[in-house]
Amino acid sequence: MEILKNIKDLAIINPNINNVESKLRILEQFKLNDDSLIIPYKLQMKPTFPHEKSKPSTLIIIVLGCFLGGIFGIVFVLIRNFRQNNI
């Protein structure tokens, strides 16, 4: 622990510290006044909510469910009938 306290150059432990320190020195050169205004982003339009819901309608879900259920039922019956006739 004593050895770590005596180390003056921390770049020996972590070489990335030199990069961070150099970036901090560059940033310290820029002086901003209190009256300077920094706008990080600007919206072009105000956000609005959609007028219609974007999910599929209940009717489409019911029709597709019945159609696919009927298809699977027919296929199941045909496969079962084919197996019983071939045994």
N, C-alpha and C. Protein backbone atom coordinates (compact mmCIF):
# COMPACT_ATOMS: atom_id res chain seq x y z
N MET A 1 0.81 -1.18 0.00
CA MET A 1 0.00 0.00 0.00
C MET A 1 0.86 1.26 0.00
N GLU A 2 1.97 1.19 0.70
CA GLU A 2 2.88 2.33 0.77
C GLU A 2 3.46 2.64 -0.61
N ILE A 3 3.73 1.61 -1.38
CA ILE A 3 4.31 1.80 -2.71
C ILE A 3 3.31 2.53 -3.62
N LEU A 4 2.05 2.15 -3.53
CA LEU A 4 1.04 2.79 -4.36
C LEU A 4 0.85 4.26 -3.99
N LYS A 5 0.97 4.60 -2.72
CA LYS A 5 0.85 5.99 -2.29
C LYS A 5 2.01 6.84 -2.78
N ASN A 6 3.17 6.25 -2.97
CA ASN A 6 4.36 6.99 -3.37
C ASN A 6 4.46 7.18 -4.88
N ILE A 7 3.61 6.51 -5.66
CA ILE A 7 3.68 6.64 -7.13
C ILE A 7 3.13 8.00 -7.54
N LYS A 8 3.95 8.78 -8.23
CA LYS A 8 3.53 10.11 -8.70
C LYS A 8 2.92 10.05 -10.09
N ASP A 9 3.42 9.18 -10.94
CA ASP A 9 2.92 9.06 -12.32
C ASP A 9 1.97 7.87 -12.39
N LEU A 10 0.68 8.16 -12.46
CA LEU A 10 -0.32 7.10 -12.48
C LEU A 10 -0.40 6.38 -13.82
N ALA A 11 0.28 6.91 -14.84
CA ALA A 11 0.28 6.26 -16.15
C ALA A 11 1.01 4.92 -16.11
N ILE A 12 1.81 4.71 -15.08
CA ILE A 12 2.48 3.43 -14.93
C ILE A 12 1.45 2.33 -14.66
N ILE A 13 0.43 2.66 -13.88
CA ILE A 13 -0.61 1.69 -13.54
C ILE A 13 -1.60 1.54 -14.68
N ASN A 14 -2.04 2.69 -15.22
CA ASN A 14 -3.03 2.67 -16.30
C ASN A 14 -2.58 3.62 -17.40
N PRO A 15 -2.17 3.10 -18.57
CA PRO A 15 -1.66 3.97 -19.64
C PRO A 15 -2.73 4.89 -20.24
N ASN A 16 -3.99 4.58 -20.05
CA ASN A 16 -5.05 5.43 -20.60
C ASN A 16 -5.18 6.76 -19.87
N ILE A 17 -4.57 6.87 -18.72
CA ILE A 17 -4.65 8.11 -17.96
C ILE A 17 -3.99 9.25 -18.72
N ASN A 18 -2.92 8.99 -19.45
CA ASN A 18 -2.28 10.04 -20.25
C ASN A 18 -3.23 10.58 -21.30
N ASN A 19 -4.01 9.71 -21.94
CA ASN A 19 -4.97 10.16 -22.95
C ASN A 19 -6.04 11.04 -22.32
N VAL A 20 -6.54 10.63 -21.18
CA VAL A 20 -7.58 11.40 -20.51
C VAL A 20 -7.04 12.75 -20.07
N GLU A 21 -5.85 12.77 -19.54
CA GLU A 21 -5.25 14.04 -19.10
C GLU A 21 -5.02 14.99 -20.27
N SER A 22 -4.59 14.47 -21.41
CA SER A 22 -4.38 15.34 -22.57
C SER A 22 -5.71 15.90 -23.08
N LYS A 23 -6.75 15.09 -23.06
CA LYS A 23 -8.07 15.59 -23.47
C LYS A 23 -8.58 16.65 -22.50
N LEU A 24 -8.32 16.46 -21.22
CA LEU A 24 -8.73 17.47 -20.24
C LEU A 24 -7.99 18.78 -20.43
N ARG A 25 -6.70 18.71 -20.77
CA ARG A 25 -5.93 19.94 -21.03
C ARG A 25 -6.48 20.69 -22.23
N ILE A 26 -6.89 19.95 -23.26
CA ILE A 26 -7.48 20.59 -24.45
C ILE A 26 -8.80 21.25 -24.09
N LEU A 27 -9.63 20.58 -23.30
CA LEU A 27 -10.92 21.13 -22.92
C LEU A 27 -10.78 22.34 -21.99
N GLU A 28 -9.75 22.36 -21.18
CA GLU A 28 -9.54 23.49 -20.28
C GLU A 28 -9.17 24.77 -21.04
N GLN A 29 -8.67 24.64 -22.26
CA GLN A 29 -8.31 25.81 -23.06
C GLN A 29 -9.54 26.59 -23.53
N PHE A 30 -10.66 25.90 -23.65
CA PHE A 30 -11.88 26.57 -24.10
C PHE A 30 -12.56 27.23 -22.92
N LYS A 31 -12.72 28.52 -23.03
CA LYS A 31 -13.38 29.27 -21.97
C LYS A 31 -14.74 29.73 -22.50
N LEU A 32 -15.78 29.41 -21.77
CA LEU A 32 -17.12 29.82 -22.15
C LEU A 32 -17.60 30.93 -21.22
N ASN A 33 -18.23 31.92 -21.81
CA ASN A 33 -18.82 32.98 -21.00
C ASN A 33 -20.14 32.48 -20.42
N ASP A 34 -20.58 33.15 -19.39
CA ASP A 34 -21.86 32.77 -18.79
C ASP A 34 -23.02 33.10 -19.72
N ASP A 35 -22.85 34.10 -20.59
CA ASP A 35 -23.95 34.49 -21.47
C ASP A 35 -23.98 33.67 -22.77
N SER A 36 -22.98 32.81 -22.98
CA SER A 36 -23.00 32.00 -24.19
C SER A 36 -24.04 30.87 -24.03
N LEU A 37 -24.79 30.67 -25.09
CA LEU A 37 -25.86 29.68 -25.06
C LEU A 37 -25.49 28.50 -25.93
N ILE A 38 -25.50 27.32 -25.37
CA ILE A 38 -25.19 26.11 -26.11
C ILE A 38 -26.47 25.30 -26.25
N ILE A 39 -26.87 25.04 -27.50
CA ILE A 39 -28.06 24.24 -27.76
C ILE A 39 -27.60 22.89 -28.28
N PRO A 40 -27.74 21.81 -27.50
CA PRO A 40 -27.25 20.52 -27.95
C PRO A 40 -28.03 19.93 -29.11
N TYR A 41 -29.33 20.21 -29.18
CA TYR A 41 -30.14 19.71 -30.29
C TYR A 41 -31.34 20.63 -30.46
N LYS A 42 -31.95 20.55 -31.59
CA LYS A 42 -33.11 21.38 -31.87
C LYS A 42 -34.12 20.55 -32.64
N LEU A 43 -35.34 20.53 -32.17
CA LEU A 43 -36.39 19.80 -32.85
C LEU A 43 -36.93 20.63 -34.01
N GLN A 44 -37.17 19.98 -35.14
CA GLN A 44 -37.72 20.70 -36.28
C GLN A 44 -39.23 20.91 -36.12
N MET A 45 -39.90 19.91 -35.57
CA MET A 45 -41.34 20.00 -35.36
C MET A 45 -41.66 19.54 -33.95
N LYS A 46 -42.78 19.99 -33.43
CA LYS A 46 -43.20 19.53 -32.13
C LYS A 46 -43.71 18.10 -32.25
N PRO A 47 -43.40 17.25 -31.27
CA PRO A 47 -43.89 15.87 -31.34
C PRO A 47 -45.40 15.83 -31.15
N THR A 48 -46.06 14.97 -31.91
CA THR A 48 -47.51 14.82 -31.80
C THR A 48 -47.85 13.34 -31.67
N PHE A 49 -49.01 13.08 -31.11
CA PHE A 49 -49.49 11.71 -31.00
C PHE A 49 -50.22 11.34 -32.28
N PRO A 50 -50.13 10.09 -32.70
CA PRO A 50 -50.84 9.67 -33.91
C PRO A 50 -52.36 9.73 -33.68
N HIS A 51 -53.08 10.00 -34.76
CA HIS A 51 -54.53 10.11 -34.66
C HIS A 51 -55.20 8.74 -34.63
N GLU A 52 -54.57 7.74 -35.23
CA GLU A 52 -55.12 6.40 -35.27
C GLU A 52 -54.15 5.43 -34.61
N LYS A 53 -54.71 4.37 -34.04
CA LYS A 53 -53.83 3.38 -33.42
C LYS A 53 -53.09 2.61 -34.51
N SER A 54 -51.87 2.20 -34.21
CA SER A 54 -51.03 1.56 -35.22
C SER A 54 -51.07 0.04 -35.16
N LYS A 55 -51.73 -0.54 -34.18
CA LYS A 55 -51.78 -1.99 -34.10
C LYS A 55 -52.89 -2.53 -35.01
N PRO A 56 -52.82 -3.79 -35.39
CA PRO A 56 -53.84 -4.35 -36.29
C PRO A 56 -55.19 -4.41 -35.59
N SER A 57 -56.25 -4.33 -36.39
CA SER A 57 -57.58 -4.31 -35.81
C SER A 57 -57.96 -5.68 -35.27
N THR A 58 -58.92 -5.70 -34.37
CA THR A 58 -59.37 -6.93 -33.75
C THR A 58 -60.01 -7.85 -34.78
N LEU A 59 -60.71 -7.29 -35.75
CA LEU A 59 -61.37 -8.09 -36.78
C LEU A 59 -60.36 -8.89 -37.59
N ILE A 60 -59.25 -8.28 -37.96
CA ILE A 60 -58.21 -8.98 -38.74
C ILE A 60 -57.63 -10.13 -37.92
N ILE A 61 -57.40 -9.91 -36.63
CA ILE A 61 -56.84 -10.95 -35.78
C ILE A 61 -57.81 -12.13 -35.67
N ILE A 62 -59.11 -11.85 -35.51
CA ILE A 62 -60.10 -12.92 -35.39
C ILE A 62 -60.20 -13.71 -36.69
N VAL A 63 -60.26 -13.01 -37.83
CA VAL A 63 -60.39 -13.69 -39.12
C VAL A 63 -59.16 -14.55 -39.40
N LEU A 64 -57.97 -14.03 -39.18
CA LEU A 64 -56.76 -14.81 -39.42
C LEU A 64 -56.66 -15.99 -38.46
N GLY A 65 -57.07 -15.81 -37.21
CA GLY A 65 -57.04 -16.90 -36.25
C GLY A 65 -57.98 -18.03 -36.65
N CYS A 66 -59.18 -17.68 -37.09
CA CYS A 66 -60.13 -18.71 -37.54
C CYS A 66 -59.62 -19.41 -38.79
N PHE A 67 -59.07 -18.65 -39.72
CA PHE A 67 -58.57 -19.23 -40.97
C PHE A 67 -57.41 -20.20 -40.70
N LEU A 68 -56.45 -19.76 -39.92
CA LEU A 68 -55.29 -20.62 -39.63
C LEU A 68 -55.71 -21.82 -38.76
N GLY A 69 -56.63 -21.62 -37.83
CA GLY A 69 -57.12 -22.73 -37.03
C GLY A 69 -57.82 -23.78 -37.88
N GLY A 70 -58.62 -23.32 -38.86
CA GLY A 70 -59.28 -24.25 -39.77
C GLY A 70 -58.29 -25.02 -40.62
N ILE A 71 -57.28 -24.33 -41.13
CA ILE A 71 -56.26 -24.99 -41.96
C ILE A 71 -55.52 -26.05 -41.14
N PHE A 72 -55.08 -25.68 -39.92
CA PHE A 72 -54.37 -26.65 -39.08
C PHE A 72 -55.28 -27.82 -38.71
N GLY A 73 -56.55 -27.58 -38.45
CA GLY A 73 -57.48 -28.65 -38.14
C GLY A 73 -57.65 -29.62 -39.29
N ILE A 74 -57.78 -29.08 -40.50
CA ILE A 74 -57.94 -29.94 -41.69
C ILE A 74 -56.68 -30.77 -41.91
N VAL A 75 -55.51 -30.16 -41.80
CA VAL A 75 -54.25 -30.88 -41.99
C VAL A 75 -54.12 -31.98 -40.94
N PHE A 76 -54.48 -31.67 -39.69
CA PHE A 76 -54.39 -32.67 -38.63
C PHE A 76 -55.30 -33.87 -38.91
N VAL A 77 -56.54 -33.60 -39.35
CA VAL A 77 -57.48 -34.67 -39.64
C VAL A 77 -56.99 -35.50 -40.82
N LEU A 78 -56.45 -34.86 -41.85
CA LEU A 78 -55.95 -35.60 -43.01
C LEU A 78 -54.77 -36.49 -42.64
N ILE A 79 -53.85 -35.97 -41.82
CA ILE A 79 -52.69 -36.77 -41.42
C ILE A 79 -53.15 -37.95 -40.56
N ARG A 80 -54.09 -37.72 -39.63
CA ARG A 80 -54.57 -38.81 -38.78
C ARG A 80 -55.29 -39.87 -39.61
N ASN A 81 -56.10 -39.44 -40.57
CA ASN A 81 -56.81 -40.36 -41.44
C ASN A 81 -55.83 -41.16 -42.31
N PHE A 82 -54.80 -40.52 -42.82
CA PHE A 82 -53.79 -41.19 -43.65
C PHE A 82 -53.07 -42.25 -42.83
N ARG A 83 -52.74 -41.95 -41.57
CA ARG A 83 -52.03 -42.92 -40.71
C ARG A 83 -52.91 -44.12 -40.39
N GLN A 84 -54.20 -43.88 -40.13
CA GLN A 84 -55.09 -44.98 -39.77
C GLN A 84 -55.33 -45.90 -40.95
N ASN A 85 -55.39 -45.38 -42.17
CA ASN A 85 -55.63 -46.18 -43.35
C ASN A 85 -54.40 -46.99 -43.76
N ASN A 86 -53.21 -46.51 -43.45
CA ASN A 86 -51.98 -47.20 -43.87
C ASN A 86 -51.52 -48.23 -42.86
N ILE A 87 -52.08 -48.27 -41.68
CA ILE A 87 -51.62 -49.21 -40.65
C ILE A 87 -52.21 -50.54 -40.87
